[in-house]
Amino acid sequence: MHFMQSLQTAWTRNNSLVCVGLDPEPAKFPAHLKGRPDAVFEFCAAIVDATADLACSFKPQIAHFAALRAEEALERLIAHIHAKHPGVPVILDAKRGDIGSTAQHYVTEAFERFGADAVTLNPYLGRDSAQPFLDRADKGVILLCHTSNPGAADLQDLDVGGKPLYQHVARLIAQEWNTHGNCALVTGATYPEQLAEVRALIGDIPLLVPGIGAQGGDVQAVVRNGRTAAGAGLMINSSRAILYAGSGEDFAEAARTAALDLRDSINHYRAS
């Protein structure tokens, strides 16, 4: 199924705008998993199984797996999501961006090796660096626009012809790059005014919103400024606050409670 179709179905079926980030850090795993040879997969799969009916998407961060030499576990994890929880799309958070044959190899990595439904990209090498991804009409292409980190303004707010650069990026992607309707943008929860400006520029294109929870983003501000007229259009990511909500053998149940609380909080503001 097309990424956008899967996302819209998950928004409705699970009544959720929650994207569960999968960022494994073994030092934070429950004691009973530490030292186990397949701990990364076991931990992440348990989180997935506990939260799949509360999420609109999952977002594994590739560096967290690669640093642990756990890319094979990531392959199995994405296959597990597709097999056990079909219809909940997987976003590979890789922030790729390169040119020529290298870009094509990144396409193969994301969509063939790992089997992701969407991938995050850095757009600053220009359209030719994104084109091999854009050509995959069935896959999501989620491009950085205004990120959640403190240094975002260093470059993204620079004046470009009387407008900040992130607005130029948003307009360019919405009007010129999104020919297959498979683009989305990353906009951080920590900058709610910029979030509103991006939404005004791009219409109903989905937004992946990091920065809720540990980074201090406000749920009410994100929903108010980022939702579409239909009350959707968002993938509000939470990683650490869900993954490490509990530290005992009931860690998956604690993660489920945290995901449910976030979903219900988001839905409260969607309805207001």
Protein backbone atom coordinates (compact mmCIF):
# COMPACT_ATOMS: atom_id res chain seq x y z
CA MET A 1 0.00 0.00 0.00
CA HIS A 2 1.11 3.56 -0.74
CA PHE A 3 2.70 5.20 2.32
CA MET A 4 0.18 8.04 2.33
CA GLN A 5 -2.74 5.61 2.13
CA SER A 6 -1.33 3.59 5.04
CA LEU A 7 -0.81 6.73 7.08
CA GLN A 8 -4.33 8.01 6.50
CA THR A 9 -5.77 4.60 7.31
CA ALA A 10 -3.76 4.41 10.55
CA TRP A 11 -4.85 7.93 11.56
CA THR A 12 -8.46 6.81 11.28
CA ARG A 13 -8.31 3.19 12.45
CA ASN A 14 -6.20 3.90 15.54
CA ASN A 15 -7.63 7.38 16.11
CA SER A 16 -4.05 8.47 16.61
CA LEU A 17 -1.49 11.01 15.49
CA VAL A 18 1.25 9.40 17.60
CA CYS A 19 4.48 8.33 15.92
CA VAL A 20 6.48 6.03 18.20
CA GLY A 21 10.21 6.62 17.79
CA LEU A 22 12.39 3.53 18.15
CA ASP A 23 15.77 4.69 19.46
CA PRO A 24 17.31 1.77 21.36
CA GLU A 25 19.85 2.58 24.08
CA PRO A 26 20.90 -0.65 25.82
CA ALA A 27 22.09 1.21 28.93
CA LYS A 28 18.43 2.13 29.54
CA PHE A 29 17.02 -1.35 28.91
CA PRO A 30 15.39 -3.24 31.80
CA ALA A 31 17.82 -5.36 33.78
CA HIS A 32 16.40 -8.65 32.51
CA LEU A 33 17.30 -7.72 28.91
CA LYS A 34 20.79 -6.37 29.50
CA GLY A 35 23.47 -8.61 28.08
CA ARG A 36 21.07 -10.72 26.04
CA PRO A 37 22.44 -11.30 22.52
CA ASP A 38 19.22 -10.16 20.81
CA ALA A 39 18.25 -7.49 23.34
CA VAL A 40 17.84 -4.69 20.78
CA PHE A 41 15.26 -6.61 18.76
CA GLU A 42 13.51 -8.01 21.82
CA PHE A 43 13.16 -4.58 23.41
CA CYS A 44 11.95 -2.79 20.29
CA ALA A 45 9.58 -5.58 19.24
CA ALA A 46 7.99 -5.56 22.69
CA ILE A 47 7.45 -1.80 22.45
CA VAL A 48 5.96 -2.19 18.98
CA ASP A 49 3.59 -4.95 20.04
CA ALA A 50 2.43 -2.94 23.06
CA THR A 51 1.75 0.28 21.16
CA ALA A 52 0.84 -0.64 17.56
CA ASP A 53 -2.89 -0.05 18.00
CA LEU A 54 -2.18 3.39 19.50
CA ALA A 55 0.18 4.65 16.79
CA CYS A 56 -0.10 6.05 13.29
CA SER A 57 3.53 5.16 12.50
CA PHE A 58 6.82 3.87 13.87
CA LYS A 59 10.11 5.68 13.36
CA PRO A 60 13.32 3.70 13.95
CA GLN A 61 16.42 5.91 14.01
CA ILE A 62 19.09 4.18 11.96
CA ALA A 63 22.10 5.54 13.89
CA HIS A 64 20.88 3.97 17.12
CA PHE A 65 20.99 0.57 15.42
CA ALA A 66 24.13 1.09 13.35
CA ALA A 67 26.17 2.24 16.34
CA LEU A 68 25.30 -1.06 18.02
CA ARG A 69 26.08 -3.11 14.89
CA ALA A 70 22.40 -3.99 14.97
CA GLU A 71 21.34 -3.28 11.39
CA GLU A 72 20.21 -6.91 11.04
CA ALA A 73 17.98 -6.43 14.08
CA LEU A 74 16.52 -3.35 12.37
CA GLU A 75 15.73 -5.37 9.25
CA ARG A 76 13.94 -7.98 11.36
CA LEU A 77 12.14 -5.32 13.38
CA ILE A 78 10.66 -3.65 10.30
CA ALA A 79 9.68 -7.05 8.90
CA HIS A 80 8.04 -7.82 12.26
CA ILE A 81 6.01 -4.61 12.13
CA HIS A 82 4.81 -5.35 8.62
CA ALA A 83 3.93 -8.96 9.47
CA LYS A 84 2.30 -8.46 12.86
CA HIS A 85 0.88 -4.96 12.49
CA PRO A 86 0.13 -4.42 8.81
CA GLY A 87 -1.09 -0.97 7.98
CA VAL A 88 1.10 0.89 10.50
CA PRO A 89 3.79 2.47 8.30
CA VAL A 90 7.48 2.53 9.18
CA ILE A 91 9.57 5.67 8.70
CA LEU A 92 13.32 5.07 8.53
CA ASP A 93 14.84 8.12 10.20
CA ALA A 94 18.10 8.31 8.26
CA LYS A 95 18.23 11.95 7.06
CA ARG A 96 19.91 10.92 3.84
CA GLY A 97 20.86 13.36 1.11
CA ASP A 98 23.43 12.83 -1.62
CA ILE A 99 23.76 12.93 -5.38
CA GLY A 100 23.87 10.58 -8.35
CA SER A 101 24.46 6.89 -7.82
CA THR A 102 24.96 7.41 -4.08
CA ALA A 103 21.40 8.66 -3.71
CA GLN A 104 20.15 5.61 -5.59
CA HIS A 105 22.04 3.33 -3.22
CA TYR A 106 20.38 5.10 -0.29
CA VAL A 107 17.03 4.38 -1.93
CA THR A 108 17.94 0.71 -2.11
CA GLU A 109 19.10 0.77 1.51
CA ALA A 110 15.90 2.32 2.85
CA PHE A 111 13.29 0.58 0.74
CA GLU A 112 14.82 -2.71 -0.36
CA ARG A 113 17.24 -3.67 2.40
CA PHE A 114 15.28 -2.34 5.36
CA GLY A 115 11.81 -2.41 3.81
CA ALA A 116 10.78 0.98 5.17
CA ASP A 117 7.63 2.71 3.96
CA ALA A 118 9.17 6.19 4.17
CA VAL A 119 12.53 7.80 4.85
CA THR A 120 13.70 11.17 6.16
CA LEU A 121 15.89 13.27 3.88
CA ASN A 122 17.98 16.43 4.07
CA PRO A 123 16.94 18.61 1.09
CA TYR A 124 19.93 20.92 1.04
CA LEU A 125 21.74 19.27 -1.85
CA GLY A 126 18.77 20.14 -4.04
CA ARG A 127 16.18 18.28 -6.02
CA ASP A 128 18.51 15.92 -7.87
CA SER A 129 19.61 14.47 -4.52
CA ALA A 130 15.98 13.75 -3.61
CA GLN A 131 14.75 12.70 -7.06
CA PRO A 132 15.50 8.97 -6.75
CA PHE A 133 13.36 8.94 -3.60
CA LEU A 134 10.64 11.14 -5.10
CA ASP A 135 10.40 8.74 -8.04
CA ARG A 136 9.25 5.99 -5.67
CA ALA A 137 5.64 7.12 -5.73
CA ASP A 138 4.59 4.37 -3.31
CA LYS A 139 7.07 5.48 -0.64
CA GLY A 140 7.05 8.49 1.67
CA VAL A 141 9.73 11.17 1.34
CA ILE A 142 9.93 13.21 4.54
CA LEU A 143 12.15 16.25 4.13
CA LEU A 144 13.68 18.42 6.83
CA CYS A 145 12.11 21.87 6.93
CA HIS A 146 12.35 23.44 10.40
CA THR A 147 13.88 21.06 12.90
CA SER A 148 13.43 20.90 16.68
CA ASN A 149 17.04 21.37 17.82
CA PRO A 150 18.31 24.65 19.36
CA GLY A 151 20.60 25.35 16.40
CA ALA A 152 17.82 25.14 13.82
CA ALA A 153 17.77 28.90 13.38
CA ASP A 154 21.47 29.05 12.46
CA LEU A 155 20.65 28.23 8.84
CA GLN A 156 16.94 27.51 8.53
CA ASP A 157 15.91 31.05 9.52
CA LEU A 158 18.32 32.84 7.18
CA ASP A 159 16.69 35.49 5.00
CA VAL A 160 16.20 34.36 1.41
CA GLY A 161 14.56 37.06 -0.70
CA GLY A 162 12.62 38.46 2.24
CA LYS A 163 11.50 35.07 3.59
CA PRO A 164 13.27 32.64 5.93
CA LEU A 165 14.91 29.70 4.22
CA TYR A 166 12.59 27.11 5.82
CA GLN A 167 9.59 28.81 4.22
CA HIS A 168 11.30 28.66 0.84
CA VAL A 169 11.96 24.95 1.41
CA ALA A 170 8.34 24.32 2.40
CA ARG A 171 6.94 26.13 -0.63
CA LEU A 172 9.40 24.49 -3.04
CA ILE A 173 8.59 20.99 -1.86
CA ALA A 174 4.83 21.57 -1.80
CA GLN A 175 4.65 23.25 -5.20
CA GLU A 176 7.40 21.57 -7.23
CA TRP A 177 8.76 18.39 -5.66
CA ASN A 178 5.52 16.72 -4.57
CA THR A 179 4.46 15.59 -8.02
CA HIS A 180 3.58 12.07 -6.81
CA GLY A 181 1.90 13.25 -3.62
CA ASN A 182 4.41 11.36 -1.49
CA CYS A 183 6.16 14.21 0.33
CA ALA A 184 5.95 15.20 3.97
CA LEU A 185 7.96 17.70 6.01
CA VAL A 186 9.79 17.62 9.35
CA THR A 187 8.84 20.55 11.56
CA GLY A 188 9.81 20.68 15.23
CA ALA A 189 7.39 20.94 18.12
CA THR A 190 9.75 23.38 19.82
CA TYR A 191 8.97 26.08 17.23
CA PRO A 192 5.14 26.29 17.16
CA GLU A 193 4.96 29.62 15.29
CA GLN A 194 7.09 28.25 12.49
CA LEU A 195 4.94 25.14 12.48
CA ALA A 196 1.87 27.26 11.83
CA GLU A 197 3.63 29.15 9.04
CA VAL A 198 4.66 25.91 7.34
CA ARG A 199 1.12 24.50 7.58
CA ALA A 200 -0.24 27.66 5.93
CA LEU A 201 2.21 27.23 3.04
CA ILE A 202 1.78 23.53 2.30
CA GLY A 203 -1.93 22.79 2.70
CA ASP A 204 -2.67 19.24 3.80
CA ILE A 205 0.80 17.75 3.28
CA PRO A 206 1.65 15.67 6.38
CA LEU A 207 4.08 16.92 9.00
CA LEU A 208 6.40 14.75 11.07
CA VAL A 209 6.80 16.62 14.36
CA PRO A 210 9.68 15.69 16.69
CA GLY A 211 10.36 17.48 19.96
CA ILE A 212 7.47 16.37 22.17
CA GLY A 213 8.40 14.97 25.57
CA ALA A 214 12.11 15.06 26.40
CA GLN A 215 12.73 18.11 24.18
CA GLY A 216 9.91 20.10 25.77
CA GLY A 217 7.49 20.62 22.89
CA ASP A 218 3.90 21.47 23.83
CA VAL A 219 1.18 19.14 22.59
CA GLN A 220 -1.55 21.77 22.56
CA ALA A 221 0.57 24.19 20.52
CA VAL A 222 1.52 21.48 18.03
CA VAL A 223 -2.08 20.41 17.45
CA ARG A 224 -3.38 23.97 17.25
CA ASN A 225 -0.71 25.09 14.79
CA GLY A 226 -0.10 21.94 12.79
CA ARG A 227 -3.36 20.09 12.26
CA THR A 228 -5.22 20.19 8.98
CA ALA A 229 -8.83 21.32 8.64
CA ALA A 230 -9.83 17.67 9.02
CA GLY A 231 -7.98 17.47 12.34
CA ALA A 232 -5.19 15.19 11.14
CA GLY A 233 -2.07 15.80 9.03
CA LEU A 234 0.40 15.16 11.86
CA MET A 235 2.79 12.44 12.97
CA ILE A 236 3.71 13.63 16.46
CA ASN A 237 6.81 11.72 17.45
CA SER A 238 7.70 10.59 20.95
CA SER A 239 10.70 8.37 21.55
CA ARG A 240 12.31 8.40 25.00
CA ALA A 241 9.13 9.29 26.89
CA ILE A 242 7.47 6.13 25.57
CA LEU A 243 10.44 3.76 25.26
CA TYR A 244 11.76 4.32 28.75
CA ALA A 245 8.53 5.00 30.61
CA GLY A 246 9.26 1.90 32.69
CA SER A 247 12.46 0.14 33.72
CA GLY A 248 11.19 -3.19 35.00
CA GLU A 249 9.90 -6.35 33.40
CA ASP A 250 6.64 -4.48 32.73
CA PHE A 251 8.43 -1.94 30.52
CA ALA A 252 6.18 -2.67 27.54
CA GLU A 253 3.03 -2.08 29.60
CA ALA A 254 4.51 1.21 30.84
CA ALA A 255 5.28 2.20 27.25
CA ARG A 256 1.70 1.43 26.29
CA THR A 257 0.39 3.62 29.09
CA ALA A 258 2.65 6.49 27.99
CA ALA A 259 1.56 6.12 24.35
CA LEU A 260 -2.09 5.99 25.37
CA ASP A 261 -1.71 9.11 27.50
CA LEU A 262 -0.07 10.97 24.62
CA ARG A 263 -2.72 9.82 22.13
CA ASP A 264 -5.50 10.92 24.46
CA SER A 265 -3.84 14.28 25.13
CA ILE A 266 -3.46 14.92 21.40
CA ASN A 267 -7.06 13.90 20.75
CA HIS A 268 -8.31 16.18 23.53
CA TYR A 269 -6.80 19.17 21.73
CA ARG A 270 -7.93 17.92 18.33
CA ALA A 271 -11.51 18.04 19.60
CA SER A 272 -11.24 21.49 21.18
